Amino acid sequence: MARPRKPLLSRERIVEAALRLVDAEGLQSVSTRRLAAELGVSGPSLYNHFTTKDEILDAVADTVVGQVDLSPLDGGVPWRAALLEWARSYRAALSDHPHIVPFLAQGPGRRPAGLRMADAVFGCLVRAGWPPAQATRIGALMRYFVAGSALGSFARGFIDDPSAYDPADYPHLGQAHLLAEHRQQVDEGAFDTGLTALLDGLELRFARLAPTGDGRP
């Protein structure tokens, strides 16, 4: 019997299947038994590629982060424009896979793509003249902001029934039932408003830096 041209199982196939499960049903849906069933293999065969479920989720998380465009951070544009473009790409990647965000929020750990992104953000800021301690804080701040914005939809939290917003109880929510219909516009607009305000504040802070900042906290 001829051997198959492609291996029955690979790290890539496992990660792809796990990401599909996370996207469809959330983190709790991923188990080695469920993945084996999805892939049509025996459970133990997964351990030839990953030793634990968390290793699989690490690879899934890193695959998502690997979709983020880091090129704006390479020094070709000013730091503010670089952070703006990178943050938009980062949010787009997370918004496509919101169920993985809580796992990603734990930090990059040993994930190569996550570490490359942290290195690129830090390098961009230090190269621009930010003291290292502040560059670290800004990197953390940006991650908090972007990840938080991708965790859920503000607009989707409102139902499209106008009767739910009795003006006697909620005098300022007369148009709240329209938010869900315009979810993308509302949520993306909120993100861009917050991102612009954040960068405006950082730009003012940067202007106040001493020319020879020593990087102390």
N, C-alpha and C. Protein backbone atom coordinates (compact mmCIF):
# COMPACT_ATOMS: atom_id res chain seq x y z
N MET A 1 0.84 -1.20 0.00
CA MET A 1 0.00 0.00 0.00
C MET A 1 0.88 1.25 0.00
N ALA A 2 0.60 2.15 -0.93
CA ALA A 2 1.42 3.35 -1.05
C ALA A 2 1.27 4.23 0.17
N ARG A 3 2.36 4.85 0.59
CA ARG A 3 2.32 5.77 1.74
C ARG A 3 1.69 7.08 1.29
N PRO A 4 0.93 7.74 2.18
CA PRO A 4 0.32 9.02 1.80
C PRO A 4 1.39 10.06 1.51
N ARG A 5 1.09 10.95 0.57
CA ARG A 5 2.05 11.98 0.21
C ARG A 5 2.27 12.96 1.35
N LYS A 6 1.22 13.23 2.15
CA LYS A 6 1.34 14.15 3.26
C LYS A 6 1.22 13.37 4.57
N PRO A 7 1.96 13.76 5.58
CA PRO A 7 1.82 13.09 6.87
C PRO A 7 0.40 13.22 7.39
N LEU A 8 -0.06 12.20 8.06
CA LEU A 8 -1.42 12.22 8.59
C LEU A 8 -1.57 13.32 9.62
N LEU A 9 -0.52 13.59 10.36
CA LEU A 9 -0.61 14.57 11.44
C LEU A 9 0.64 15.44 11.44
N SER A 10 0.48 16.69 11.79
CA SER A 10 1.60 17.61 11.90
C SER A 10 1.24 18.66 12.93
N ARG A 11 2.24 19.41 13.39
CA ARG A 11 1.97 20.51 14.31
C ARG A 11 1.01 21.52 13.68
N GLU A 12 1.20 21.79 12.40
CA GLU A 12 0.37 22.78 11.72
C GLU A 12 -1.09 22.35 11.69
N ARG A 13 -1.34 21.08 11.39
CA ARG A 13 -2.72 20.59 11.35
C ARG A 13 -3.36 20.64 12.73
N ILE A 14 -2.60 20.31 13.74
CA ILE A 14 -3.13 20.34 15.10
C ILE A 14 -3.49 21.77 15.49
N VAL A 15 -2.60 22.69 15.20
CA VAL A 15 -2.84 24.10 15.55
C VAL A 15 -4.04 24.64 14.78
N GLU A 16 -4.15 24.33 13.51
CA GLU A 16 -5.28 24.80 12.71
C GLU A 16 -6.59 24.27 13.27
N ALA A 17 -6.60 23.00 13.65
CA ALA A 17 -7.82 22.41 14.20
C ALA A 17 -8.16 23.04 15.55
N ALA A 18 -7.15 23.26 16.37
CA ALA A 18 -7.39 23.87 17.68
C ALA A 18 -7.91 25.29 17.54
N LEU A 19 -7.36 26.05 16.59
CA LEU A 19 -7.83 27.42 16.38
C LEU A 19 -9.27 27.43 15.89
N ARG A 20 -9.63 26.49 15.05
CA ARG A 20 -11.03 26.41 14.60
C ARG A 20 -11.96 26.16 15.78
N LEU A 21 -11.54 25.27 16.67
CA LEU A 21 -12.36 24.98 17.85
C LEU A 21 -12.48 26.20 18.76
N VAL A 22 -11.36 26.87 19.00
CA VAL A 22 -11.38 28.06 19.86
C VAL A 22 -12.29 29.11 19.26
N ASP A 23 -12.16 29.35 17.96
CA ASP A 23 -12.99 30.36 17.30
C ASP A 23 -14.47 30.01 17.40
N ALA A 24 -14.79 28.74 17.24
CA ALA A 24 -16.19 28.33 17.18
C ALA A 24 -16.82 28.19 18.57
N GLU A 25 -16.03 27.68 19.54
CA GLU A 25 -16.64 27.30 20.81
C GLU A 25 -15.92 27.82 22.05
N GLY A 26 -14.78 28.46 21.87
CA GLY A 26 -14.07 29.01 23.02
C GLY A 26 -12.96 28.09 23.52
N LEU A 27 -12.18 28.63 24.45
CA LEU A 27 -11.01 27.91 24.96
C LEU A 27 -11.38 26.58 25.61
N GLN A 28 -12.53 26.55 26.28
CA GLN A 28 -12.91 25.36 27.02
C GLN A 28 -13.19 24.16 26.11
N SER A 29 -13.35 24.43 24.82
CA SER A 29 -13.66 23.34 23.89
C SER A 29 -12.43 22.52 23.52
N VAL A 30 -11.25 23.03 23.80
CA VAL A 30 -10.02 22.36 23.36
C VAL A 30 -9.59 21.33 24.38
N SER A 31 -9.52 20.09 23.95
CA SER A 31 -8.95 18.99 24.73
C SER A 31 -8.26 18.07 23.75
N THR A 32 -7.34 17.27 24.24
CA THR A 32 -6.64 16.37 23.33
C THR A 32 -7.62 15.35 22.74
N ARG A 33 -8.60 14.93 23.53
CA ARG A 33 -9.58 13.97 23.01
C ARG A 33 -10.40 14.59 21.89
N ARG A 34 -10.85 15.84 22.10
CA ARG A 34 -11.67 16.50 21.09
C ARG A 34 -10.84 16.76 19.84
N LEU A 35 -9.60 17.21 20.01
CA LEU A 35 -8.75 17.46 18.85
C LEU A 35 -8.49 16.18 18.06
N ALA A 36 -8.23 15.11 18.78
CA ALA A 36 -7.99 13.84 18.09
C ALA A 36 -9.20 13.43 17.27
N ALA A 37 -10.39 13.63 17.83
CA ALA A 37 -11.60 13.29 17.10
C ALA A 37 -11.76 14.17 15.86
N GLU A 38 -11.49 15.47 16.03
CA GLU A 38 -11.60 16.39 14.90
C GLU A 38 -10.63 16.03 13.77
N LEU A 39 -9.46 15.53 14.15
CA LEU A 39 -8.43 15.22 13.17
C LEU A 39 -8.49 13.78 12.68
N GLY A 40 -9.34 12.98 13.31
CA GLY A 40 -9.47 11.59 12.90
C GLY A 40 -8.27 10.73 13.24
N VAL A 41 -7.65 11.01 14.40
CA VAL A 41 -6.48 10.25 14.84
C VAL A 41 -6.70 9.80 16.28
N SER A 42 -5.79 8.99 16.77
CA SER A 42 -5.86 8.57 18.17
C SER A 42 -5.27 9.66 19.06
N GLY A 43 -5.79 9.78 20.26
CA GLY A 43 -5.33 10.80 21.20
C GLY A 43 -3.83 10.79 21.44
N PRO A 44 -3.24 9.63 21.72
CA PRO A 44 -1.80 9.60 22.00
C PRO A 44 -0.93 10.13 20.88
N SER A 45 -1.42 10.07 19.63
CA SER A 45 -0.60 10.54 18.51
C SER A 45 -0.32 12.03 18.60
N LEU A 46 -1.19 12.79 19.30
CA LEU A 46 -0.95 14.23 19.45
C LEU A 46 0.32 14.49 20.25
N TYR A 47 0.65 13.56 21.14
CA TYR A 47 1.79 13.77 22.03
C TYR A 47 3.13 13.60 21.31
N ASN A 48 3.07 13.16 20.07
CA ASN A 48 4.30 13.17 19.27
C ASN A 48 4.69 14.59 18.86
N HIS A 49 3.73 15.51 18.99
CA HIS A 49 3.96 16.89 18.56
C HIS A 49 3.84 17.89 19.71
N PHE A 50 2.98 17.64 20.65
CA PHE A 50 2.79 18.51 21.81
C PHE A 50 2.66 17.65 23.05
N THR A 51 3.27 18.08 24.15
CA THR A 51 3.22 17.27 25.37
C THR A 51 2.03 17.61 26.25
N THR A 52 1.48 18.82 26.13
CA THR A 52 0.33 19.22 26.96
C THR A 52 -0.65 20.03 26.13
N LYS A 53 -1.87 20.16 26.65
CA LYS A 53 -2.87 21.01 26.00
C LYS A 53 -2.41 22.46 25.99
N ASP A 54 -1.77 22.91 27.07
CA ASP A 54 -1.31 24.31 27.11
C ASP A 54 -0.28 24.59 26.03
N GLU A 55 0.52 23.61 25.69
CA GLU A 55 1.48 23.80 24.60
C GLU A 55 0.75 24.02 23.28
N ILE A 56 -0.35 23.32 23.10
CA ILE A 56 -1.16 23.52 21.89
C ILE A 56 -1.73 24.93 21.88
N LEU A 57 -2.29 25.36 23.02
CA LEU A 57 -2.85 26.70 23.09
C LEU A 57 -1.78 27.77 22.92
N ASP A 58 -0.58 27.51 23.43
CA ASP A 58 0.53 28.44 23.21
C ASP A 58 0.79 28.60 21.71
N ALA A 59 0.78 27.50 21.00
CA ALA A 59 1.03 27.54 19.55
C ALA A 59 -0.11 28.25 18.83
N VAL A 60 -1.34 28.02 19.28
CA VAL A 60 -2.49 28.71 18.69
C VAL A 60 -2.35 30.21 18.91
N ALA A 61 -2.05 30.61 20.15
CA ALA A 61 -1.89 32.03 20.46
C ALA A 61 -0.79 32.65 19.63
N ASP A 62 0.31 31.94 19.47
CA ASP A 62 1.43 32.49 18.72
C ASP A 62 1.10 32.59 17.23
N THR A 63 0.27 31.69 16.74
CA THR A 63 -0.17 31.77 15.35
C THR A 63 -0.97 33.05 15.11
N VAL A 64 -1.83 33.38 16.07
CA VAL A 64 -2.63 34.61 15.95
C VAL A 64 -1.73 35.83 16.01
N VAL A 65 -0.80 35.87 16.96
CA VAL A 65 0.11 37.01 17.06
C VAL A 65 0.98 37.11 15.82
N GLY A 66 1.30 35.98 15.23
CA GLY A 66 2.11 35.99 14.02
C GLY A 66 1.44 36.68 12.85
N GLN A 67 0.13 36.93 12.94
CA GLN A 67 -0.59 37.63 11.88
C GLN A 67 -0.44 39.15 11.98
N VAL A 68 0.12 39.63 13.11
CA VAL A 68 0.25 41.07 13.33
C VAL A 68 1.40 41.63 12.49
N ASP A 69 1.16 42.76 11.86
CA ASP A 69 2.18 43.41 11.03
C ASP A 69 3.13 44.20 11.92
N LEU A 70 4.38 43.76 11.99
CA LEU A 70 5.39 44.44 12.80
C LEU A 70 6.23 45.42 11.99
N SER A 71 6.03 45.46 10.69
CA SER A 71 6.90 46.28 9.85
C SER A 71 6.88 47.77 10.20
N PRO A 72 5.75 48.33 10.70
CA PRO A 72 5.81 49.76 11.06
C PRO A 72 6.80 50.06 12.18
N LEU A 73 7.18 49.04 12.94
CA LEU A 73 8.03 49.25 14.10
C LEU A 73 9.52 49.17 13.78
N ASP A 74 9.86 49.00 12.51
CA ASP A 74 11.27 48.74 12.18
C ASP A 74 12.13 49.99 12.06
N GLY A 75 11.55 51.15 12.36
CA GLY A 75 12.34 52.38 12.34
C GLY A 75 12.12 53.24 11.12
N GLY A 76 11.27 52.80 10.22
CA GLY A 76 11.06 53.56 8.99
C GLY A 76 10.13 54.75 9.14
N VAL A 77 9.33 54.77 10.22
CA VAL A 77 8.40 55.87 10.45
C VAL A 77 8.54 56.33 11.90
N PRO A 78 8.10 57.55 12.24
CA PRO A 78 8.17 58.03 13.62
C PRO A 78 7.40 57.11 14.57
N TRP A 79 7.82 57.12 15.84
CA TRP A 79 7.28 56.16 16.81
C TRP A 79 5.76 56.23 16.93
N ARG A 80 5.18 57.44 16.89
CA ARG A 80 3.73 57.55 17.04
C ARG A 80 3.01 56.85 15.88
N ALA A 81 3.43 57.15 14.65
CA ALA A 81 2.81 56.51 13.49
C ALA A 81 3.03 55.00 13.52
N ALA A 82 4.20 54.59 14.00
CA ALA A 82 4.48 53.16 14.09
C ALA A 82 3.54 52.46 15.05
N LEU A 83 3.36 53.04 16.24
CA LEU A 83 2.46 52.44 17.22
C LEU A 83 1.02 52.43 16.71
N LEU A 84 0.62 53.48 16.01
CA LEU A 84 -0.73 53.56 15.47
C LEU A 84 -1.01 52.41 14.52
N GLU A 85 -0.13 52.22 13.54
CA GLU A 85 -0.34 51.18 12.53
C GLU A 85 -0.22 49.79 13.14
N TRP A 86 0.77 49.61 14.02
CA TRP A 86 0.92 48.30 14.65
C TRP A 86 -0.30 47.97 15.51
N ALA A 87 -0.79 48.92 16.30
CA ALA A 87 -1.93 48.67 17.18
C ALA A 87 -3.17 48.30 16.39
N ARG A 88 -3.37 48.94 15.26
CA ARG A 88 -4.53 48.60 14.42
C ARG A 88 -4.42 47.18 13.88
N SER A 89 -3.22 46.81 13.46
CA SER A 89 -3.01 45.44 12.97
C SER A 89 -3.19 44.43 14.09
N TYR A 90 -2.67 44.77 15.26
CA TYR A 90 -2.78 43.89 16.43
C TYR A 90 -4.24 43.66 16.79
N ARG A 91 -5.01 44.74 16.85
CA ARG A 91 -6.43 44.60 17.19
C ARG A 91 -7.17 43.78 16.13
N ALA A 92 -6.85 44.01 14.86
CA ALA A 92 -7.52 43.26 13.79
C ALA A 92 -7.29 41.77 13.96
N ALA A 93 -6.05 41.38 14.29
CA ALA A 93 -5.74 39.96 14.48
C ALA A 93 -6.52 39.39 15.66
N LEU A 94 -6.56 40.13 16.76
CA LEU A 94 -7.27 39.64 17.94
C LEU A 94 -8.79 39.63 17.73
N SER A 95 -9.29 40.63 17.02
CA SER A 95 -10.73 40.69 16.77
C SER A 95 -11.21 39.53 15.91
N ASP A 96 -10.33 39.01 15.08
CA ASP A 96 -10.68 37.84 14.26
C ASP A 96 -10.75 36.57 15.11
N HIS A 97 -10.08 36.58 16.27
CA HIS A 97 -10.02 35.40 17.13
C HIS A 97 -10.19 35.81 18.60
N PRO A 98 -11.32 36.40 18.97
CA PRO A 98 -11.46 36.98 20.32
C PRO A 98 -11.39 35.97 21.45
N HIS A 99 -11.72 34.70 21.18
CA HIS A 99 -11.73 33.72 22.27
C HIS A 99 -10.33 33.37 22.77
N ILE A 100 -9.31 33.64 21.95
CA ILE A 100 -7.94 33.34 22.39
C ILE A 100 -7.36 34.48 23.21
N VAL A 101 -8.03 35.63 23.24
CA VAL A 101 -7.47 36.82 23.90
C VAL A 101 -7.17 36.58 25.38
N PRO A 102 -8.06 35.95 26.16
CA PRO A 102 -7.71 35.73 27.58
C PRO A 102 -6.43 34.91 27.76
N PHE A 103 -6.18 33.97 26.89
CA PHE A 103 -4.95 33.19 26.98
C PHE A 103 -3.75 34.04 26.59
N LEU A 104 -3.91 34.84 25.55
CA LEU A 104 -2.84 35.74 25.13
C LEU A 104 -2.49 36.76 26.21
N ALA A 105 -3.50 37.17 26.96
CA ALA A 105 -3.29 38.22 27.97
C ALA A 105 -2.34 37.79 29.07
N GLN A 106 -2.05 36.50 29.17
CA GLN A 106 -1.12 36.03 30.19
C GLN A 106 0.32 36.44 29.88
N GLY A 107 0.58 36.89 28.67
CA GLY A 107 1.93 37.32 28.31
C GLY A 107 2.54 36.41 27.26
N PRO A 108 3.67 36.82 26.70
CA PRO A 108 4.27 36.04 25.60
C PRO A 108 4.94 34.75 26.04
N GLY A 109 5.33 34.66 27.34
CA GLY A 109 6.01 33.44 27.78
C GLY A 109 7.20 33.12 26.90
N ARG A 110 7.18 31.93 26.31
CA ARG A 110 8.25 31.52 25.38
C ARG A 110 7.79 31.51 23.93
N ARG A 111 6.66 32.14 23.66
CA ARG A 111 6.12 32.12 22.30
C ARG A 111 6.96 33.01 21.39
N PRO A 112 7.52 32.46 20.32
CA PRO A 112 8.42 33.24 19.46
C PRO A 112 7.77 34.49 18.86
N ALA A 113 6.57 34.36 18.31
CA ALA A 113 5.93 35.53 17.69
C ALA A 113 5.62 36.59 18.74
N GLY A 114 5.18 36.16 19.92
CA GLY A 114 4.89 37.11 20.99
C GLY A 114 6.13 37.84 21.45
N LEU A 115 7.23 37.11 21.55
CA LEU A 115 8.50 37.74 21.96
C LEU A 115 9.03 38.67 20.89
N ARG A 116 8.86 38.29 19.62
CA ARG A 116 9.29 39.18 18.53
C ARG A 116 8.49 40.48 18.57
N MET A 117 7.21 40.38 18.87
CA MET A 117 6.40 41.59 18.93
C MET A 117 6.81 42.47 20.10
N ALA A 118 7.02 41.88 21.27
CA ALA A 118 7.46 42.66 22.43
C ALA A 118 8.80 43.32 22.14
N ASP A 119 9.70 42.60 21.51
CA ASP A 119 11.01 43.14 21.17
C ASP A 119 10.89 44.30 20.19
N ALA A 120 10.01 44.16 19.20
CA ALA A 120 9.85 45.19 18.18
C ALA A 120 9.27 46.47 18.76
N VAL A 121 8.28 46.34 19.65
CA VAL A 121 7.67 47.52 20.27
C VAL A 121 8.69 48.24 21.15
N PHE A 122 9.37 47.48 21.98
CA PHE A 122 10.37 48.06 22.87
C PHE A 122 11.49 48.73 22.07
N GLY A 123 11.97 48.04 21.05
CA GLY A 123 13.04 48.59 20.23
C GLY A 123 12.64 49.86 19.52
N CYS A 124 11.41 49.90 19.02
CA CYS A 124 10.90 51.09 18.35
C CYS A 124 10.92 52.30 19.29
N LEU A 125 10.47 52.09 20.52
CA LEU A 125 10.36 53.19 21.47
C LEU A 125 11.73 53.66 21.96
N VAL A 126 12.60 52.72 22.29
CA VAL A 126 13.93 53.10 22.77
C VAL A 126 14.73 53.78 21.67
N ARG A 127 14.60 53.28 20.47
CA ARG A 127 15.29 53.88 19.33
C ARG A 127 14.82 55.32 19.11
N ALA A 128 13.54 55.59 19.41
CA ALA A 128 13.00 56.93 19.23
C ALA A 128 13.43 57.89 20.33
N GLY A 129 13.96 57.34 21.45
CA GLY A 129 14.41 58.20 22.53
C GLY A 129 13.68 58.04 23.84
N TRP A 130 12.74 57.09 23.90
CA TRP A 130 12.07 56.83 25.17
C TRP A 130 13.03 56.11 26.11
N PRO A 131 13.08 56.51 27.39
CA PRO A 131 13.88 55.76 28.36
C PRO A 131 13.37 54.32 28.46
N PRO A 132 14.27 53.35 28.66
CA PRO A 132 13.85 51.95 28.67
C PRO A 132 12.71 51.64 29.63
N ALA A 133 12.75 52.21 30.84
CA ALA A 133 11.68 51.91 31.81
C ALA A 133 10.33 52.38 31.29
N GLN A 134 10.30 53.55 30.68
CA GLN A 134 9.04 54.05 30.15
C GLN A 134 8.62 53.27 28.91
N ALA A 135 9.59 52.86 28.11
CA ALA A 135 9.26 52.05 26.94
C ALA A 135 8.60 50.74 27.35
N THR A 136 9.08 50.16 28.45
CA THR A 136 8.47 48.93 28.96
C THR A 136 7.03 49.18 29.37
N ARG A 137 6.80 50.28 30.07
CA ARG A 137 5.44 50.60 30.52
C ARG A 137 4.51 50.87 29.34
N ILE A 138 5.02 51.56 28.35
CA ILE A 138 4.18 51.85 27.18
C ILE A 138 3.82 50.56 26.44
N GLY A 139 4.79 49.66 26.32
CA GLY A 139 4.50 48.38 25.70
C GLY A 139 3.40 47.63 26.43
N ALA A 140 3.47 47.65 27.77
CA ALA A 140 2.43 47.01 28.58
C ALA A 140 1.09 47.72 28.40
N LEU A 141 1.12 49.05 28.43
CA LEU A 141 -0.10 49.83 28.27
C LEU A 141 -0.77 49.54 26.94
N MET A 142 0.00 49.48 25.89
CA MET A 142 -0.57 49.22 24.57
C MET A 142 -1.20 47.83 24.52
N ARG A 143 -0.55 46.87 25.14
CA ARG A 143 -1.11 45.52 25.14
C ARG A 143 -2.42 45.48 25.92
N TYR A 144 -2.46 46.16 27.08
CA TYR A 144 -3.71 46.21 27.85
C TYR A 144 -4.83 46.81 27.01
N PHE A 145 -4.52 47.91 26.36
CA PHE A 145 -5.55 48.63 25.60
C PHE A 145 -6.06 47.81 24.42
N VAL A 146 -5.13 47.27 23.64
CA VAL A 146 -5.53 46.53 22.45
C VAL A 146 -6.27 45.24 22.83
N ALA A 147 -5.71 44.49 23.77
CA ALA A 147 -6.35 43.23 24.16
C ALA A 147 -7.73 43.49 24.76
N GLY A 148 -7.83 44.52 25.60
CA GLY A 148 -9.12 44.83 26.20
C GLY A 148 -10.16 45.20 25.15
N SER A 149 -9.74 45.92 24.13
CA SER A 149 -10.69 46.33 23.09
C SER A 149 -11.18 45.15 22.27
N ALA A 150 -10.39 44.08 22.23
CA ALA A 150 -10.74 42.92 21.40
C ALA A 150 -11.52 41.86 22.17
N LEU A 151 -11.64 42.03 23.49
CA LEU A 151 -12.30 41.00 24.31
C LEU A 151 -13.79 40.88 24.01
N GLY A 152 -14.40 41.97 23.64
CA GLY A 152 -15.84 41.92 23.38
C GLY A 152 -16.30 43.17 22.68
N SER A 153 -17.56 43.19 22.31
CA SER A 153 -18.15 44.31 21.60
C SER A 153 -19.02 45.13 22.54
N PHE A 154 -18.73 46.42 22.67
CA PHE A 154 -19.58 47.31 23.45
C PHE A 154 -20.97 47.38 22.83
N ALA A 155 -21.02 47.59 21.51
CA ALA A 155 -22.30 47.77 20.84
C ALA A 155 -23.17 46.52 20.92
N ARG A 156 -22.55 45.36 20.84
CA ARG A 156 -23.33 44.11 20.86
C ARG A 156 -23.97 43.86 22.22
N GLY A 157 -23.50 44.57 23.23
CA GLY A 157 -24.07 44.41 24.56
C GLY A 157 -25.45 45.02 24.72
N PHE A 158 -25.90 45.77 23.72
CA PHE A 158 -27.23 46.38 23.75
C PHE A 158 -28.15 45.63 22.80
N ILE A 159 -29.38 45.36 23.24
CA ILE A 159 -30.32 44.64 22.39
C ILE A 159 -31.05 45.61 21.48
N ASP A 160 -31.64 45.09 20.40
CA ASP A 160 -32.26 45.95 19.40
C ASP A 160 -33.75 46.20 19.65
N ASP A 161 -34.17 46.05 20.90
CA ASP A 161 -35.57 46.27 21.26
C ASP A 161 -35.70 47.63 21.95
N PRO A 162 -36.31 48.62 21.30
CA PRO A 162 -36.40 49.96 21.90
C PRO A 162 -37.18 49.97 23.21
N SER A 163 -38.06 49.00 23.40
CA SER A 163 -38.86 48.98 24.63
C SER A 163 -38.01 48.64 25.86
N ALA A 164 -36.80 48.14 25.63
CA ALA A 164 -35.92 47.80 26.76
C ALA A 164 -35.35 49.04 27.42
N TYR A 165 -35.48 50.19 26.75
CA TYR A 165 -34.85 51.42 27.24
C TYR A 165 -35.91 52.48 27.51
N ASP A 166 -36.73 52.19 28.50
CA ASP A 166 -37.80 53.11 28.90
C ASP A 166 -37.18 54.45 29.29
N PRO A 167 -37.59 55.54 28.64
CA PRO A 167 -37.01 56.85 28.96
C PRO A 167 -37.22 57.28 30.41
N ALA A 168 -38.20 56.70 31.06
CA ALA A 168 -38.40 57.02 32.47
C ALA A 168 -37.26 56.48 33.32
N ASP A 169 -36.68 55.37 32.89
CA ASP A 169 -35.57 54.77 33.62
C ASP A 169 -34.21 55.15 33.03
N TYR A 170 -34.16 55.26 31.70
CA TYR A 170 -32.90 55.51 31.01
C TYR A 170 -33.08 56.69 30.05
N PRO A 171 -33.11 57.91 30.57
CA PRO A 171 -33.45 59.06 29.74
C PRO A 171 -32.45 59.36 28.62
N HIS A 172 -31.26 58.79 28.69
CA HIS A 172 -30.23 59.09 27.68
C HIS A 172 -29.95 57.92 26.74
N LEU A 173 -30.75 56.87 26.81
CA LEU A 173 -30.49 55.68 25.98
C LEU A 173 -31.56 55.49 24.91
N GLY A 174 -32.11 56.59 24.43
CA GLY A 174 -33.17 56.50 23.44
C GLY A 174 -32.74 55.88 22.12
N GLN A 175 -31.44 55.93 21.82
CA GLN A 175 -30.95 55.35 20.57
C GLN A 175 -30.12 54.08 20.80
N ALA A 176 -30.13 53.58 22.02
CA ALA A 176 -29.27 52.43 22.35
C ALA A 176 -29.64 51.18 21.56
N HIS A 177 -30.91 51.07 21.17
CA HIS A 177 -31.32 49.87 20.42
C HIS A 177 -30.72 49.82 19.02
N LEU A 178 -30.12 50.93 18.58
CA LEU A 178 -29.51 50.97 17.25
C LEU A 178 -28.03 50.59 17.26
N LEU A 179 -27.45 50.48 18.45
CA LEU A 179 -26.02 50.24 18.53
C LEU A 179 -25.60 48.92 17.91
N ALA A 180 -26.34 47.85 18.21
CA ALA A 180 -25.95 46.53 17.70
C ALA A 180 -25.92 46.51 16.18
N GLU A 181 -26.87 47.23 15.56
CA GLU A 181 -26.93 47.27 14.10
C GLU A 181 -25.69 47.92 13.51
N HIS A 182 -25.08 48.84 14.26
CA HIS A 182 -23.90 49.55 13.79
C HIS A 182 -22.66 49.15 14.59
N ARG A 183 -22.61 47.87 14.94
CA ARG A 183 -21.57 47.37 15.84
C ARG A 183 -20.17 47.70 15.35
N GLN A 184 -19.87 47.38 14.10
CA GLN A 184 -18.51 47.57 13.61
C GLN A 184 -18.12 49.05 13.65
N GLN A 185 -19.01 49.90 13.19
CA GLN A 185 -18.73 51.33 13.18
C GLN A 185 -18.51 51.86 14.59
N VAL A 186 -19.35 51.43 15.54
CA VAL A 186 -19.23 51.90 16.92
C VAL A 186 -17.94 51.39 17.56
N ASP A 187 -17.70 50.10 17.44
CA ASP A 187 -16.55 49.51 18.13
C ASP A 187 -15.23 49.97 17.53
N GLU A 188 -15.15 50.01 16.22
CA GLU A 188 -13.90 50.47 15.60
C GLU A 188 -13.69 51.96 15.85
N GLY A 189 -14.78 52.73 15.85
CA GLY A 189 -14.67 54.15 16.14
C GLY A 189 -14.20 54.38 17.56
N ALA A 190 -14.71 53.59 18.49
CA ALA A 190 -14.29 53.72 19.89
C ALA A 190 -12.81 53.38 20.04
N PHE A 191 -12.37 52.34 19.36
CA PHE A 191 -10.96 51.96 19.43
C PHE A 191 -10.08 53.07 18.88
N ASP A 192 -10.42 53.60 17.72
CA ASP A 192 -9.59 54.65 17.12
C ASP A 192 -9.61 55.93 17.97
N THR A 193 -10.76 56.23 18.58
CA THR A 193 -10.81 57.40 19.46
C THR A 193 -9.90 57.22 20.66
N GLY A 194 -9.97 56.05 21.27
CA GLY A 194 -9.11 55.78 22.43
C GLY A 194 -7.65 55.72 22.07
N LEU A 195 -7.34 55.10 20.93
CA LEU A 195 -5.94 54.99 20.50
C LEU A 195 -5.36 56.37 20.21
N THR A 196 -6.12 57.22 19.54
CA THR A 196 -5.65 58.57 19.25
C THR A 196 -5.42 59.35 20.54
N ALA A 197 -6.36 59.24 21.48
CA ALA A 197 -6.21 59.95 22.76
C ALA A 197 -4.99 59.45 23.52
N LEU A 198 -4.79 58.15 23.50
CA LEU A 198 -3.64 57.56 24.20
C LEU A 198 -2.33 58.08 23.59
N LEU A 199 -2.26 58.07 22.28
CA LEU A 199 -1.03 58.51 21.61
C LEU A 199 -0.83 60.02 21.77
N ASP A 200 -1.93 60.78 21.80
CA ASP A 200 -1.80 62.22 22.06
C ASP A 200 -1.14 62.45 23.43
N GLY A 201 -1.60 61.69 24.42
CA GLY A 201 -1.03 61.83 25.76
C GLY A 201 0.43 61.43 25.80
N LEU A 202 0.77 60.35 25.12
CA LEU A 202 2.17 59.92 25.09
C LEU A 202 3.04 60.94 24.37
N GLU A 203 2.49 61.55 23.33
CA GLU A 203 3.28 62.55 22.60
C GLU A 203 3.59 63.75 23.50
N LEU A 204 2.62 64.17 24.31
CA LEU A 204 2.87 65.27 25.25
C LEU A 204 3.92 64.86 26.28
N ARG A 205 3.82 63.63 26.74
CA ARG A 205 4.80 63.13 27.72
C ARG A 205 6.20 63.07 27.10
N PHE A 206 6.27 62.64 25.86
CA PHE A 206 7.55 62.54 25.18
C PHE A 206 8.20 63.92 25.03
N ALA A 207 7.36 64.92 24.76
CA ALA A 207 7.89 66.28 24.59
C ALA A 207 8.50 66.82 25.87
N ARG A 208 8.07 66.28 27.02
CA ARG A 208 8.58 66.76 28.30
C ARG A 208 9.81 65.99 28.77
N LEU A 209 10.20 64.97 28.03
CA LEU A 209 11.36 64.18 28.44
C LEU A 209 12.64 65.02 28.40
N ALA A 210 13.49 64.82 29.39
CA ALA A 210 14.80 65.46 29.33
C ALA A 210 15.59 64.84 28.18
N PRO A 211 16.42 65.62 27.52
CA PRO A 211 17.19 65.10 26.38
C PRO A 211 18.02 63.87 26.71
N THR A 212 18.44 63.76 27.98
CA THR A 212 19.27 62.61 28.37
C THR A 212 18.54 61.81 29.44
N GLY A 213 17.29 61.41 29.13
CA GLY A 213 16.53 60.65 30.12
C GLY A 213 17.28 59.43 30.58
N ASP A 214 17.24 59.17 31.88
CA ASP A 214 18.05 58.08 32.45
C ASP A 214 17.26 56.79 32.60
N GLY A 215 15.97 56.82 32.27
CA GLY A 215 15.18 55.59 32.29
C GLY A 215 14.76 55.16 33.67
N ARG A 216 14.91 56.02 34.66
CA ARG A 216 14.49 55.60 36.00
C ARG A 216 12.97 55.59 36.08
N PRO A 217 12.39 54.70 36.94
CA PRO A 217 10.93 54.65 37.07
C PRO A 217 10.37 55.99 37.50
